[in-house]
Amino acid sequence: MEKLRFGVQLDCSRTAVKKVSEVKKFVDAVSKMGYNALYLYMEDTYEIEGEPYFGHLRGRFTASELKELDAYCDKKGVELIPAIQTLAHLMRIFNWSVYKPLHDIDDIIVAGDDKTYALIDKMLATAAKCFKTRTINIGMDEALHLGLGEYLNKFGYEKRSTILAKHLARVSDLCKKHGLNPMMWSDMFIKVANNDDYYPQKPNYKAISEQKASVPDNVKLIYWDYYHDKKSDYERSIKMHECLADDFVFAGGIRMWNSFAPHQKASAKKMQAAMDVCRERGVKDIIITTWGDDGNECSQFTALPTLMFIIERFKNGSTRKESDEKFYKTFGVKAENFYALDALDFYDGKNHLGFSKMFTYNDPIMGLLDYHIKDGTGKYYKSLAMKYKRMIKTSGEYGYLFENAYRLADFLSVKAEIGNVTRKAYLAGDKAALKNLCDKVYPALIKKHNAFYEAFKTVWFTENKPFGFEIHDLRFGGLKMRLEQLRNRVKDYLSGKIDKIEELEAPVLPFADFNGYVSEFHVALLSASSVDGK
């Protein structure tokens, strides 16, 4: 019988790179659950000999650190696997002039250029040298505009599928050169056959089958899906992949990207359906991802109970209750504590990815979200704050995560409604209320901001290398300046220095339909103008 490989992936590229000690701590935890593989997702965050700018100032893992982690994982019975990128998701390297000639478009490297393959050759040589495993994830996902930038200038127009096939053939040959067995995300093949839809309700199976010829024999495809609740959706996608490949990997996910909070209950529901289908269909290679898009603010340790449930569901058909009992016996902390963190993003009857982050960065003077924020939001977050505060002492070594959640909820207990509260007092001409805001509420809010910043900083420097925290300094610093500017604008109005606050007189309009998908990236909430000044 083929051995089951059940892995979890750590995102070490989206601003945060885990300390070696914390990767080991994570390995200790997941190996107790039965995971036998750990994928390190590294776009440019690993050292390449002869490439000093690759991952420079990004907290990249050194070769010695990777070898140390590899040896540690080996002792724990965990296969450490590099997950890199060899086509898209390489935006950070283009910050450096040395790599600009290799830039096609968006975050995509120029396919077909010999210099590109010289760099990829070095990437693969590093993996072959630093990892015992011969398995490697070469990425190649989400390159939607492939060939429409510098490639177009150099080689002329070609179909995206043609460029991908030629590029993949060259990279797979390089993998053979280094004795590596590549896997890659499958979306580029599925999308080509289905009008850029990765999860079509009515797949074009014939067109998908025709893509099979573009997949080299040594390349294994990864079907990734973090979004569906119904078994039928997973069954349909697996059928598509069976047309495309003789064997494939399934990658699920615990949603924690673009947010300060995990979405464990929603993720568990989706992954329960996924695991049931994978078990029924005999899938023997599984990855559970913990992506950290837009800042990696949410600690992967918050996902531990759901990681336990996912593997228990696949292996034993366990219920959440059964898995949670095993989690408590294993770690001495109640799973319910971790699940409570989901509530940071639960608002107005909806559980939307990133609500806590949206409310944090929503501008306090002319908030794009103010239309949607209802009276009582502050009270909701105040009750959460008290709940998390009690959990700090009952969460063992993970207490610092609940200190962070407490400080965030406490901050939002005032911050979430501050724009509406200020605007209401201003439009009513209630100068006494405005004076109270200036004298008491705004200063208290800034103190809560500072306390949240310190708690967040503790989480970061406990788990991650220092590189990347400058992004959060800029974000928190900008937010603090806007809070101070709010106070200054109101003070200037009260003193007669200005006769009106124009920002507060602008109409408050809906920002988005929160019944659908909303872009949670924090920059979308900062201003109606372009953040880069264009």
Foldseek 3Di string as FASTA:
>chain_A
DDAFAEEAEDECQQLFHWDLVQVLVVLVQLLVLPHAEYEYEHAQQADFPPCCLRCVLRNHHYLVSLLVSQVSSVVSNHFYEYEYELFFPQQVSCVDPVQVVQDFDDRTGAFPDPVSVVVLLRVLLSRLSRGPALEYEHEPPDPVCHCVGVNCVVPNDDDPLVSVLVRQVSSVVSSVVSSHQYEYEDQVLQCVQPVHDSQDPDGPLVSLLVSLVSHDPSYAYEYEDADDQALVSLVVNVVSVVSNDVAHEYEYEFDDELALATQQVSSLNRLLSVLVNCLVVVHRHYYYYYDHHQQNNYDPVLNSLSSSSNVCCNPPVDDSVVSQVVVCVVPVAGNVLSNLRQCCQQDPNDRAPQPLVLLLQQQLAQGLAQVPQDPPQLVSLQVSLVVLVVCLVRGPPCSLSSQLSNLSSNLSSQSNNNNVQCLVCQVVVPLVSLVCCLPPVLVVSLVSLVSNVVSSVVVSVVTGDPRSCVVVCVSSVVNSVSSVVVSVLSVCCSVVVDVGDVSSVDDRDHNDDVVDDDPSNSLVGNDPDHPVRD
